[in-house]
Amino acid sequence: SIRWKRCFLEVGQELDDYSTECVRQGDRPLVALWGDSSMAALYPGFQSLAARTNGFRLAQATSSLCPPIMDYALPERPQCPANNPKALALLQSSKPEIVVLAAVWQMYDISLVTKTVAQLKQMGVARVVILGPGAVWSEPPGRITLRLWKDDPLHRLPPARLDYSRFGLY
């Protein structure tokens, strides 16, 4: 679960604070995940790894269409100037050792991330990890695969990997 509307805020949703469940309590090192929906989509994988290794706890502060960039504001995303400071406040109060930033970077001005990283370092975050852009498909991969199968007169299985240069959005 991505903890929808509690730790992953929808477009236009503003909260007073992220839910208390957004920071796993305990004494293991804390890894905080901050970003847009692409980071929210990665949460279950991080959660599985944390459970399997029992080596770290997780915090999640994610907001749809809001990159982890301080002072990020666009008219079509009015919630970002309110939600990003709340994410930063959550990180400041929980004191993570590592903060992982992820977003569909192709949609944003990534040069602004430098200020955010500096702010996290000033807060005492030991390590900031920026994940590269994830794949953004022109349509859901399952639909692409089905269409490839249907369009093939022999209905052969499509390739195991889709060609991103052909079906990717960016």
C-alpha atoms as a PDB file:
ATOM      1  CA  SER A   1       0.000   0.000   0.000  1.00  0.00           C
ATOM      2  CA  ILE A   2       1.242   3.497  -0.806  1.00  0.00           C
ATOM      3  CA  ARG A   3      -0.712   4.916   2.189  1.00  0.00           C
ATOM      4  CA  TRP A   4      -2.922   7.014  -0.044  1.00  0.00           C
ATOM      5  CA  LYS A   5      -4.150  10.347   1.344  1.00  0.00           C
ATOM      6  CA  ARG A   6      -2.078   9.841   4.514  1.00  0.00           C
ATOM      7  CA  CYS A   7       1.547   9.625   3.339  1.00  0.00           C
ATOM      8  CA  PHE A   8       0.850  10.030  -0.385  1.00  0.00           C
ATOM      9  CA  LEU A   9      -1.196  13.160  -0.978  1.00  0.00           C
ATOM     10  CA  GLU A  10      -3.414  13.485  -4.036  1.00  0.00           C
ATOM     11  CA  VAL A  11      -3.493  16.440  -6.440  1.00  0.00           C
ATOM     12  CA  GLY A  12      -5.016  19.383  -4.612  1.00  0.00           C
ATOM     13  CA  GLN A  13      -4.925  17.663  -1.227  1.00  0.00           C
ATOM     14  CA  GLU A  14      -3.407  19.594   1.608  1.00  0.00           C
ATOM     15  CA  LEU A  15      -3.060  18.286   5.148  1.00  0.00           C
ATOM     16  CA  ASP A  16      -2.175  19.989   8.377  1.00  0.00           C
ATOM     17  CA  ASP A  17       0.540  17.359   8.770  1.00  0.00           C
ATOM     18  CA  TYR A  18       1.448  14.006   7.358  1.00  0.00           C
ATOM     19  CA  SER A  19      -0.065  11.109   9.343  1.00  0.00           C
ATOM     20  CA  THR A  20       1.913   9.756  12.308  1.00  0.00           C
ATOM     21  CA  GLU A  21       2.068   6.400  10.478  1.00  0.00           C
ATOM     22  CA  CYS A  22       4.295   8.028   7.846  1.00  0.00           C
ATOM     23  CA  VAL A  23       7.325   7.530  10.108  1.00  0.00           C
ATOM     24  CA  ARG A  24       7.958   4.016  11.354  1.00  0.00           C
ATOM     25  CA  GLN A  25       8.953   4.131  15.007  1.00  0.00           C
ATOM     26  CA  GLY A  26      11.894   2.207  16.437  1.00  0.00           C
ATOM     27  CA  ASP A  27      15.612   2.423  16.936  1.00  0.00           C
ATOM     28  CA  ARG A  28      16.942   1.219  13.581  1.00  0.00           C
ATOM     29  CA  PRO A  29      18.323   3.821  11.149  1.00  0.00           C
ATOM     30  CA  LEU A  30      15.649   5.841   9.357  1.00  0.00           C
ATOM     31  CA  VAL A  31      15.453   6.106   5.570  1.00  0.00           C
ATOM     32  CA  ALA A  32      13.041   8.814   4.398  1.00  0.00           C
ATOM     33  CA  LEU A  33      11.377   8.732   0.989  1.00  0.00           C
ATOM     34  CA  TRP A  34      10.385  12.108  -0.423  1.00  0.00           C
ATOM     35  CA  GLY A  35       8.982  12.788  -3.852  1.00  0.00           C
ATOM     36  CA  ASP A  36       6.062  12.697  -6.239  1.00  0.00           C
ATOM     37  CA  SER A  37       3.917   9.719  -7.268  1.00  0.00           C
ATOM     38  CA  SER A  38       6.939   7.938  -8.731  1.00  0.00           C
ATOM     39  CA  MET A  39       8.427   7.791  -5.215  1.00  0.00           C
ATOM     40  CA  ALA A  40       5.090   6.687  -3.772  1.00  0.00           C
ATOM     41  CA  ALA A  41       5.121   3.823  -6.283  1.00  0.00           C
ATOM     42  CA  LEU A  42       8.542   2.751  -4.974  1.00  0.00           C
ATOM     43  CA  TYR A  43       7.411   2.689  -1.329  1.00  0.00           C
ATOM     44  CA  PRO A  44       6.174  -0.961  -1.356  1.00  0.00           C
ATOM     45  CA  GLY A  45       9.578  -2.137  -2.625  1.00  0.00           C
ATOM     46  CA  PHE A  46      11.426  -0.189   0.058  1.00  0.00           C
ATOM     47  CA  GLN A  47       8.946  -1.490   2.655  1.00  0.00           C
ATOM     48  CA  SER A  48       9.548  -5.080   1.541  1.00  0.00           C
ATOM     49  CA  LEU A  49      13.317  -4.610   1.739  1.00  0.00           C
ATOM     50  CA  ALA A  50      13.062  -3.030   5.204  1.00  0.00           C
ATOM     51  CA  ALA A  51      10.906  -5.925   6.448  1.00  0.00           C
ATOM     52  CA  ARG A  52      13.146  -8.580   4.885  1.00  0.00           C
ATOM     53  CA  THR A  53      16.427  -7.175   6.212  1.00  0.00           C
ATOM     54  CA  ASN A  54      15.124  -5.580   9.408  1.00  0.00           C
ATOM     55  CA  GLY A  55      17.994  -3.150   8.858  1.00  0.00           C
ATOM     56  CA  PHE A  56      16.160   0.159   8.667  1.00  0.00           C
ATOM     57  CA  ARG A  57      12.887   1.977   9.237  1.00  0.00           C
ATOM     58  CA  LEU A  58      11.004   4.032   6.679  1.00  0.00           C
ATOM     59  CA  ALA A  59       9.443   7.460   6.541  1.00  0.00           C
ATOM     60  CA  GLN A  60       7.306   8.555   3.582  1.00  0.00           C
ATOM     61  CA  ALA A  61       6.407  12.075   2.467  1.00  0.00           C
ATOM     62  CA  THR A  62       5.038  11.947  -1.066  1.00  0.00           C
ATOM     63  CA  SER A  63       2.648  14.190  -2.951  1.00  0.00           C
ATOM     64  CA  SER A  64       1.223  13.707  -6.429  1.00  0.00           C
ATOM     65  CA  LEU A  65       2.812  16.009  -9.031  1.00  0.00           C
ATOM     66  CA  CYS A  66       5.007  17.660  -6.394  1.00  0.00           C
ATOM     67  CA  PRO A  67       8.715  17.038  -6.830  1.00  0.00           C
ATOM     68  CA  PRO A  68      10.943  17.146  -3.740  1.00  0.00           C
ATOM     69  CA  ILE A  69      12.074  20.654  -4.581  1.00  0.00           C
ATOM     70  CA  MET A  70      11.751  23.482  -2.088  1.00  0.00           C
ATOM     71  CA  ASP A  71      10.090  26.646  -3.388  1.00  0.00           C
ATOM     72  CA  TYR A  72       8.612  24.683  -6.283  1.00  0.00           C
ATOM     73  CA  ALA A  73       5.436  26.346  -7.484  1.00  0.00           C
ATOM     74  CA  LEU A  74       3.376  26.253 -10.630  1.00  0.00           C
ATOM     75  CA  PRO A  75      -0.180  27.582 -11.000  1.00  0.00           C
ATOM     76  CA  GLU A  76      -1.488  24.138 -11.972  1.00  0.00           C
ATOM     77  CA  ARG A  77       0.033  22.622  -8.796  1.00  0.00           C
ATOM     78  CA  PRO A  78      -1.045  24.989  -6.022  1.00  0.00           C
ATOM     79  CA  GLN A  79      -0.614  22.352  -3.298  1.00  0.00           C
ATOM     80  CA  CYS A  80       3.164  22.010  -3.735  1.00  0.00           C
ATOM     81  CA  PRO A  81       4.199  25.223  -1.906  1.00  0.00           C
ATOM     82  CA  ALA A  82       2.191  23.990   1.111  1.00  0.00           C
ATOM     83  CA  ASN A  83       2.992  20.273   0.975  1.00  0.00           C
ATOM     84  CA  ASN A  84       6.758  20.427   0.422  1.00  0.00           C
ATOM     85  CA  PRO A  85       7.443  22.424   3.606  1.00  0.00           C
ATOM     86  CA  LYS A  86       5.302  19.861   5.483  1.00  0.00           C
ATOM     87  CA  ALA A  87       7.435  17.095   4.017  1.00  0.00           C
ATOM     88  CA  LEU A  88      10.579  18.934   5.088  1.00  0.00           C
ATOM     89  CA  ALA A  89       9.126  19.449   8.578  1.00  0.00           C
ATOM     90  CA  LEU A  90       8.413  15.713   8.812  1.00  0.00           C
ATOM     91  CA  LEU A  91      12.014  14.998   7.846  1.00  0.00           C
ATOM     92  CA  GLN A  92      13.367  17.549  10.294  1.00  0.00           C
ATOM     93  CA  SER A  93      11.381  16.122  13.206  1.00  0.00           C
ATOM     94  CA  SER A  94      12.126  12.464  12.390  1.00  0.00           C
ATOM     95  CA  LYS A  95      15.869  12.991  11.775  1.00  0.00           C
ATOM     96  CA  PRO A  96      16.548  10.406   9.055  1.00  0.00           C
ATOM     97  CA  GLU A  97      20.071   9.238   8.348  1.00  0.00           C
ATOM     98  CA  ILE A  98      19.272   8.902   4.650  1.00  0.00           C
ATOM     99  CA  VAL A  99      16.792  10.794   2.466  1.00  0.00           C
ATOM    100  CA  VAL A 100      15.914   9.333  -0.926  1.00  0.00           C
ATOM    101  CA  LEU A 101      14.514  11.783  -3.485  1.00  0.00           C
ATOM    102  CA  ALA A 102      12.643  10.596  -6.550  1.00  0.00           C
ATOM    103  CA  ALA A 103      10.392  12.225  -9.109  1.00  0.00           C
ATOM    104  CA  VAL A 104       9.584  12.204 -12.780  1.00  0.00           C
ATOM    105  CA  TRP A 105      12.486  14.633 -13.151  1.00  0.00           C
ATOM    106  CA  GLN A 106      11.769  15.177 -16.846  1.00  0.00           C
ATOM    107  CA  MET A 107       8.713  17.221 -15.823  1.00  0.00           C
ATOM    108  CA  TYR A 108      10.560  19.615 -13.504  1.00  0.00           C
ATOM    109  CA  ASP A 109      13.475  22.037 -13.360  1.00  0.00           C
ATOM    110  CA  ILE A 110      16.007  19.725 -11.746  1.00  0.00           C
ATOM    111  CA  SER A 111      18.526  22.533 -11.227  1.00  0.00           C
ATOM    112  CA  LEU A 112      16.396  23.575  -8.254  1.00  0.00           C
ATOM    113  CA  VAL A 113      17.169  20.306  -6.435  1.00  0.00           C
ATOM    114  CA  THR A 114      20.554  21.667  -5.338  1.00  0.00           C
ATOM    115  CA  LYS A 115      18.900  24.010  -2.835  1.00  0.00           C
ATOM    116  CA  THR A 116      16.818  21.170  -1.415  1.00  0.00           C
ATOM    117  CA  VAL A 117      19.864  18.928  -0.978  1.00  0.00           C
ATOM    118  CA  ALA A 118      21.719  21.763   0.765  1.00  0.00           C
ATOM    119  CA  GLN A 119      18.762  22.282   3.096  1.00  0.00           C
ATOM    120  CA  LEU A 120      18.680  18.565   3.966  1.00  0.00           C
ATOM    121  CA  LYS A 121      22.419  18.592   4.664  1.00  0.00           C
ATOM    122  CA  GLN A 122      22.007  21.647   6.937  1.00  0.00           C
ATOM    123  CA  MET A 123      19.357  19.678   8.859  1.00  0.00           C
ATOM    124  CA  GLY A 124      21.951  16.993   9.565  1.00  0.00           C
ATOM    125  CA  VAL A 125      20.947  14.380   6.988  1.00  0.00           C
ATOM    126  CA  ALA A 126      24.091  12.295   6.484  1.00  0.00           C
ATOM    127  CA  ARG A 127      23.256  11.039   2.997  1.00  0.00           C
ATOM    128  CA  VAL A 128      20.940  12.241   0.246  1.00  0.00           C
ATOM    129  CA  VAL A 129      20.248   9.829  -2.607  1.00  0.00           C
ATOM    130  CA  ILE A 130      18.626  11.052  -5.820  1.00  0.00           C
ATOM    131  CA  LEU A 131      17.077   8.284  -7.871  1.00  0.00           C
ATOM    132  CA  GLY A 132      17.191   8.721 -11.609  1.00  0.00           C
ATOM    133  CA  PRO A 133      14.007   9.197 -13.559  1.00  0.00           C
ATOM    134  CA  GLY A 134      11.748   6.207 -13.798  1.00  0.00           C
ATOM    135  CA  ALA A 135      10.131   5.045 -16.988  1.00  0.00           C
ATOM    136  CA  VAL A 136       7.075   6.990 -18.084  1.00  0.00           C
ATOM    137  CA  TRP A 137       5.185   4.978 -20.660  1.00  0.00           C
ATOM    138  CA  SER A 138       2.939   6.415 -23.358  1.00  0.00           C
ATOM    139  CA  GLU A 139       0.234   4.086 -22.001  1.00  0.00           C
ATOM    140  CA  PRO A 140       0.204   1.332 -19.364  1.00  0.00           C
ATOM    141  CA  PRO A 141       2.729  -1.402 -20.254  1.00  0.00           C
ATOM    142  CA  GLY A 142       0.054  -4.087 -19.985  1.00  0.00           C
ATOM    143  CA  ARG A 143      -2.018  -2.305 -22.603  1.00  0.00           C
ATOM    144  CA  ILE A 144       1.014  -1.934 -24.892  1.00  0.00           C
ATOM    145  CA  THR A 145       1.778  -5.647 -24.539  1.00  0.00           C
ATOM    146  CA  LEU A 146      -1.813  -6.645 -25.263  1.00  0.00           C
ATOM    147  CA  ARG A 147      -1.918  -4.384 -28.325  1.00  0.00           C
ATOM    148  CA  LEU A 148       1.351  -5.859 -29.638  1.00  0.00           C
ATOM    149  CA  TRP A 149      -0.089  -9.355 -29.240  1.00  0.00           C
ATOM    150  CA  LYS A 150      -3.419  -8.453 -30.868  1.00  0.00           C
ATOM    151  CA  ASP A 151      -1.761  -6.630 -33.783  1.00  0.00           C
ATOM    152  CA  ASP A 152       0.532  -9.570 -34.590  1.00  0.00           C
ATOM    153  CA  PRO A 153      -1.269 -11.790 -37.123  1.00  0.00           C
ATOM    154  CA  LEU A 154       0.337 -14.870 -35.526  1.00  0.00           C
ATOM    155  CA  HIS A 155      -0.379 -13.695 -31.948  1.00  0.00           C
ATOM    156  CA  ARG A 156       3.184 -14.377 -30.847  1.00  0.00           C
ATOM    157  CA  LEU A 157       4.273 -13.409 -27.396  1.00  0.00           C
ATOM    158  CA  PRO A 158       5.611  -9.847 -27.319  1.00  0.00           C
ATOM    159  CA  PRO A 159       9.234  -9.369 -26.238  1.00  0.00           C
ATOM    160  CA  ALA A 160       9.972  -9.761 -22.535  1.00  0.00           C
ATOM    161  CA  ARG A 161      11.052  -6.102 -22.410  1.00  0.00           C
ATOM    162  CA  LEU A 162       9.265  -3.233 -24.080  1.00  0.00           C
ATOM    163  CA  ASP A 163      11.332  -0.885 -26.236  1.00  0.00           C
ATOM    164  CA  TYR A 164      11.362   2.370 -24.279  1.00  0.00           C
ATOM    165  CA  SER A 165      12.594   4.353 -27.285  1.00  0.00           C
ATOM    166  CA  ARG A 166       9.421   3.277 -29.050  1.00  0.00           C
ATOM    167  CA  PHE A 167       6.848   3.327 -26.212  1.00  0.00           C
ATOM    168  CA  GLY A 168       8.339   5.717 -23.634  1.00  0.00           C
ATOM    169  CA  LEU A 169       6.870   9.154 -23.131  1.00  0.00           C
ATOM    170  CA  TYR A 170      10.131  11.070 -22.523  1.00  0.00           C
END
